[in-house]
PDB file of N, CA and C in Angstrom:
ATOM      1  N   MET A   1      -7.002 -11.263  -6.523  1.00  0.00           N
ATOM      2  CA  MET A   1      -5.858 -10.404  -6.449  1.00  0.00           C
ATOM      3  C   MET A   1      -5.251  -9.960  -7.594  1.00  0.00           C
ATOM      4  N   SER A   2      -5.178  -8.333  -7.531  1.00  0.00           N
ATOM      5  CA  SER A   2      -4.593  -7.676  -8.773  1.00  0.00           C
ATOM      6  C   SER A   2      -3.503  -6.421  -7.912  1.00  0.00           C
ATOM      7  N   TYR A   3      -2.789  -6.079  -9.109  1.00  0.00           N
ATOM      8  CA  TYR A   3      -1.600  -5.224  -8.454  1.00  0.00           C
ATOM      9  C   TYR A   3      -1.805  -4.140  -9.779  1.00  0.00           C
ATOM     10  N   GLU A   4      -1.413  -2.655  -9.607  1.00  0.00           N
ATOM     11  CA  GLU A   4      -1.727  -1.530 -10.691  1.00  0.00           C
ATOM     12  C   GLU A   4      -0.312  -0.741 -10.613  1.00  0.00           C
ATOM     13  N   GLN A   5       0.219  -0.180 -11.437  1.00  0.00           N
ATOM     14  CA  GLN A   5       1.165   0.560 -11.602  1.00  0.00           C
ATOM     15  C   GLN A   5       0.341   1.950 -12.143  1.00  0.00           C
ATOM     16  N   GLY A   6       1.222   3.154 -11.756  1.00  0.00           N
ATOM     17  CA  GLY A   6       0.655   4.301 -12.178  1.00  0.00           C
ATOM     18  C   GLY A   6       1.746   5.271 -12.221  1.00  0.00           C
ATOM     19  N   ARG A   7       1.862   6.118 -12.944  1.00  0.00           N
ATOM     20  CA  ARG A   7       3.002   7.493 -12.911  1.00  0.00           C
ATOM     21  C   ARG A   7       2.400   8.519 -13.275  1.00  0.00           C
ATOM     22  N   GLY A   8       2.892   9.517 -12.667  1.00  0.00           N
ATOM     23  CA  GLY A   8       2.433  10.932 -12.999  1.00  0.00           C
ATOM     24  C   GLY A   8       0.745  11.112 -12.812  1.00  0.00           C
ATOM     25  N   VAL A   9       0.428  10.398 -11.817  1.00  0.00           N
ATOM     26  CA  VAL A   9      -1.423  10.677 -11.641  1.00  0.00           C
ATOM     27  C   VAL A   9      -1.246  11.656 -10.339  1.00  0.00           C
ATOM     28  N   PRO A  10      -2.238  12.476 -10.163  1.00  0.00           N
ATOM     29  CA  PRO A  10      -2.294  13.422  -9.202  1.00  0.00           C
ATOM     30  C   PRO A  10      -3.088  12.431  -7.781  1.00  0.00           C
ATOM     31  N   GLU A  11      -3.764  11.327  -8.188  1.00  0.00           N
ATOM     32  CA  GLU A  11      -4.458  10.904  -7.085  1.00  0.00           C
ATOM     33  C   GLU A  11      -4.866   9.413  -7.634  1.00  0.00           C
ATOM     34  N   GLN A  12      -5.018   8.480  -6.498  1.00  0.00           N
ATOM     35  CA  GLN A  12      -5.048   7.117  -7.057  1.00  0.00           C
ATOM     36  C   GLN A  12      -5.632   6.774  -5.627  1.00  0.00           C
ATOM     37  N   ALA A  13      -6.372   5.329  -6.061  1.00  0.00           N
ATOM     38  CA  ALA A  13      -7.117   4.697  -4.689  1.00  0.00           C
ATOM     39  C   ALA A  13      -7.029   3.142  -4.997  1.00  0.00           C
ATOM     40  N   GLY A  14      -6.732   2.104  -4.156  1.00  0.00           N
ATOM     41  CA  GLY A  14      -7.255   0.912  -4.334  1.00  0.00           C
ATOM     42  C   GLY A  14      -7.478   0.104  -3.212  1.00  0.00           C
ATOM     43  N   VAL A  15      -7.616  -1.225  -3.353  1.00  0.00           N
ATOM     44  CA  VAL A  15      -7.736  -2.031  -2.236  1.00  0.00           C
ATOM     45  C   VAL A  15      -7.220  -3.533  -2.721  1.00  0.00           C
ATOM     46  N   ILE A  16      -6.562  -4.114  -1.452  1.00  0.00           N
ATOM     47  CA  ILE A  16      -5.757  -5.143  -1.861  1.00  0.00           C
ATOM     48  C   ILE A  16      -6.342  -6.040  -0.751  1.00  0.00           C
ATOM     49  N   GLU A  17      -6.688  -7.390  -1.150  1.00  0.00           N
ATOM     50  CA  GLU A  17      -7.246  -8.367   0.010  1.00  0.00           C
ATOM     51  C   GLU A  17      -6.450  -9.304   0.040  1.00  0.00           C
ATOM     52  N   ALA A  18      -6.250 -10.037   1.160  1.00  0.00           N
ATOM     53  CA  ALA A  18      -5.275 -11.050   1.211  1.00  0.00           C
ATOM     54  C   ALA A  18      -5.952 -12.199   0.487  1.00  0.00           C
ATOM     55  N   ALA A  19      -5.573 -13.064   0.006  1.00  0.00           N
ATOM     56  CA  ALA A  19      -6.103 -14.507  -0.548  1.00  0.00           C
ATOM     57  C   ALA A  19      -5.772 -15.383  -0.006  1.00  0.00           C
ATOM     58  N   PHE A  20      -4.814 -15.516   1.175  1.00  0.00           N
ATOM     59  CA  PHE A  20      -4.591 -16.588   2.105  1.00  0.00           C
ATOM     60  C   PHE A  20      -3.777 -15.754   3.224  1.00  0.00           C
ATOM     61  N   THR A  21      -3.741 -16.768   4.364  1.00  0.00           N
ATOM     62  CA  THR A  21      -3.300 -15.904   5.824  1.00  0.00           C
ATOM     63  C   THR A  21      -1.798 -15.866   5.566  1.00  0.00           C
ATOM     64  N   GLY A  22      -1.205 -15.565   6.523  1.00  0.00           N
ATOM     65  CA  GLY A  22       0.232 -15.236   6.275  1.00  0.00           C
ATOM     66  C   GLY A  22       0.922 -13.839   6.303  1.00  0.00           C
ATOM     67  N   ASN A  23       2.139 -13.764   6.064  1.00  0.00           N
ATOM     68  CA  ASN A  23       2.889 -12.471   6.051  1.00  0.00           C
ATOM     69  C   ASN A  23       2.457 -11.975   4.174  1.00  0.00           C
ATOM     70  N   HIS A  24       2.168 -10.718   4.652  1.00  0.00           N
ATOM     71  CA  HIS A  24       2.159  -9.909   3.093  1.00  0.00           C
ATOM     72  C   HIS A  24       2.835  -8.581   2.959  1.00  0.00           C
ATOM     73  N   GLY A  25       3.138  -8.220   2.035  1.00  0.00           N
ATOM     74  CA  GLY A  25       3.959  -7.025   1.893  1.00  0.00           C
ATOM     75  C   GLY A  25       3.089  -6.002   0.830  1.00  0.00           C
ATOM     76  N   TRP A  26       3.401  -4.920   1.329  1.00  0.00           N
ATOM     77  CA  TRP A  26       2.706  -3.743   0.183  1.00  0.00           C
ATOM     78  C   TRP A  26       3.904  -2.370  -0.210  1.00  0.00           C
ATOM     79  N   PHE A  27       4.272  -2.381  -1.505  1.00  0.00           N
ATOM     80  CA  PHE A  27       5.261  -1.520  -1.719  1.00  0.00           C
ATOM     81  C   PHE A  27       4.751  -0.117  -2.489  1.00  0.00           C
ATOM     82  N   TRP A  28       5.202   0.904  -2.067  1.00  0.00           N
ATOM     83  CA  TRP A  28       4.922   2.304  -2.674  1.00  0.00           C
ATOM     84  C   TRP A  28       6.160   2.896  -2.998  1.00  0.00           C
ATOM     85  N   ARG A  29       6.275   3.554  -3.895  1.00  0.00           N
ATOM     86  CA  ARG A  29       7.464   4.594  -4.056  1.00  0.00           C
ATOM     87  C   ARG A  29       7.202   6.015  -4.486  1.00  0.00           C
ATOM     88  N   ASN A  30       7.755   7.109  -3.943  1.00  0.00           N
ATOM     89  CA  ASN A  30       7.268   8.342  -4.596  1.00  0.00           C
ATOM     90  C   ASN A  30       8.624   8.729  -5.367  1.00  0.00           C
ATOM     91  N   ARG A  31       8.603   8.625  -6.660  1.00  0.00           N
ATOM     92  CA  ARG A  31       9.711   9.070  -7.554  1.00  0.00           C
ATOM     93  C   ARG A  31       9.950  10.718  -7.667  1.00  0.00           C
ATOM     94  N   THR A  32       9.289  11.541  -7.009  1.00  0.00           N
ATOM     95  CA  THR A  32       9.529  12.696  -7.105  1.00  0.00           C
ATOM     96  C   THR A  32      10.036  13.518  -5.716  1.00  0.00           C
ATOM     97  N   ASP A  33      10.494  14.857  -5.725  1.00  0.00           N
ATOM     98  CA  ASP A  33      10.691  15.530  -4.501  1.00  0.00           C
ATOM     99  C   ASP A  33       9.599  16.327  -3.892  1.00  0.00           C
ATOM    100  N   ALA A  34       8.663  16.065  -4.333  1.00  0.00           N
ATOM    101  CA  ALA A  34       7.033  16.489  -3.747  1.00  0.00           C
ATOM    102  C   ALA A  34       6.732  15.664  -2.471  1.00  0.00           C
ATOM    103  N   ASP A  35       6.086  16.558  -1.507  1.00  0.00           N
ATOM    104  CA  ASP A  35       5.267  15.558  -0.395  1.00  0.00           C
ATOM    105  C   ASP A  35       4.261  14.728  -0.516  1.00  0.00           C
ATOM    106  N   VAL A  36       3.884  13.814  -0.239  1.00  0.00           N
ATOM    107  CA  VAL A  36       2.907  13.186  -0.368  1.00  0.00           C
ATOM    108  C   VAL A  36       2.781  12.509   0.568  1.00  0.00           C
ATOM    109  N   THR A  37       1.083  12.521   0.854  1.00  0.00           N
ATOM    110  CA  THR A  37       0.230  12.125   1.842  1.00  0.00           C
ATOM    111  C   THR A  37       0.006  10.636   1.274  1.00  0.00           C
ATOM    112  N   LEU A  38       0.053   9.729   2.260  1.00  0.00           N
ATOM    113  CA  LEU A  38      -0.445   8.340   2.058  1.00  0.00           C
ATOM    114  C   LEU A  38      -1.226   7.652   3.346  1.00  0.00           C
ATOM    115  N   THR A  39      -2.573   7.428   2.754  1.00  0.00           N
ATOM    116  CA  THR A  39      -3.349   6.807   4.063  1.00  0.00           C
ATOM    117  C   THR A  39      -3.266   5.481   3.892  1.00  0.00           C
ATOM    118  N   LEU A  40      -3.147   4.761   4.946  1.00  0.00           N
ATOM    119  CA  LEU A  40      -3.282   3.233   4.735  1.00  0.00           C
ATOM    120  C   LEU A  40      -4.212   2.867   6.023  1.00  0.00           C
ATOM    121  N   ARG A  41      -5.636   2.040   5.406  1.00  0.00           N
ATOM    122  CA  ARG A  41      -6.551   1.507   6.526  1.00  0.00           C
ATOM    123  C   ARG A  41      -6.344  -0.007   6.172  1.00  0.00           C
ATOM    124  N   ALA A  42      -6.329  -0.595   7.585  1.00  0.00           N
ATOM    125  CA  ALA A  42      -6.275  -2.109   7.481  1.00  0.00           C
ATOM    126  C   ALA A  42      -7.448  -2.431   8.540  1.00  0.00           C
ATOM    127  N   THR A  43      -7.946  -3.468   8.298  1.00  0.00           N
ATOM    128  CA  THR A  43      -8.876  -4.266   9.127  1.00  0.00           C
ATOM    129  C   THR A  43      -8.362  -5.849   9.056  1.00  0.00           C
ATOM    130  N   GLY A  44      -8.919  -6.302  10.159  1.00  0.00           N
ATOM    131  CA  GLY A  44      -8.761  -7.858  10.283  1.00  0.00           C
ATOM    132  C   GLY A  44      -8.071  -8.237  11.542  1.00  0.00           C
ATOM    133  N   ALA A  45      -7.584  -9.288  11.433  1.00  0.00           N
ATOM    134  CA  ALA A  45      -6.789  -9.853  12.832  1.00  0.00           C
ATOM    135  C   ALA A  45      -5.208  -9.949  12.509  1.00  0.00           C
ATOM    136  N   TYR A  46      -4.666  -8.898  13.199  1.00  0.00           N
ATOM    137  CA  TYR A  46      -3.144  -8.985  13.050  1.00  0.00           C
ATOM    138  C   TYR A  46      -2.405  -8.126  14.217  1.00  0.00           C
ATOM    139  N   SER A  47      -1.249  -8.653  14.296  1.00  0.00           N
ATOM    140  CA  SER A  47      -0.440  -8.537  15.630  1.00  0.00           C
ATOM    141  C   SER A  47       0.303  -7.237  15.641  1.00  0.00           C
ATOM    142  N   GLU A  48       0.928  -6.652  14.455  1.00  0.00           N
ATOM    143  CA  GLU A  48       1.566  -5.646  14.279  1.00  0.00           C
ATOM    144  C   GLU A  48       1.694  -5.110  12.844  1.00  0.00           C
ATOM    145  N   MET A  49       2.107  -3.914  12.693  1.00  0.00           N
ATOM    146  CA  MET A  49       2.278  -3.501  11.241  1.00  0.00           C
ATOM    147  C   MET A  49       3.649  -2.776  11.189  1.00  0.00           C
ATOM    148  N   LYS A  50       4.427  -2.918  10.295  1.00  0.00           N
ATOM    149  CA  LYS A  50       5.812  -2.482  10.319  1.00  0.00           C
ATOM    150  C   LYS A  50       6.050  -1.460   9.224  1.00  0.00           C
ATOM    151  N   ARG A  51       6.690  -0.426   9.608  1.00  0.00           N
ATOM    152  CA  ARG A  51       7.110   0.235   8.220  1.00  0.00           C
ATOM    153  C   ARG A  51       8.635   0.012   7.985  1.00  0.00           C
ATOM    154  N   MET A  52       9.027  -0.525   6.766  1.00  0.00           N
ATOM    155  CA  MET A  52      10.269  -0.920   6.272  1.00  0.00           C
ATOM    156  C   MET A  52      11.063   0.130   5.806  1.00  0.00           C
ATOM    157  N   MET A  53      12.053   0.431   6.093  1.00  0.00           N
ATOM    158  CA  MET A  53      12.776   1.450   4.820  1.00  0.00           C
ATOM    159  C   MET A  53      14.334   0.881   4.879  1.00  0.00           C
TER     160      MET A  53
END
């Protein structure tokens, strides 16, 4: 499992794989006023995906 931080990069990609069963969270923040497109692809057995604000 690894985590990465980046600032001011035009594009970035990564993968996170859950090391254990249970609830997992993921956080991303846009620190600018520019629109951003975020694509999330998920596979596996899950019952729901929530958008938290």
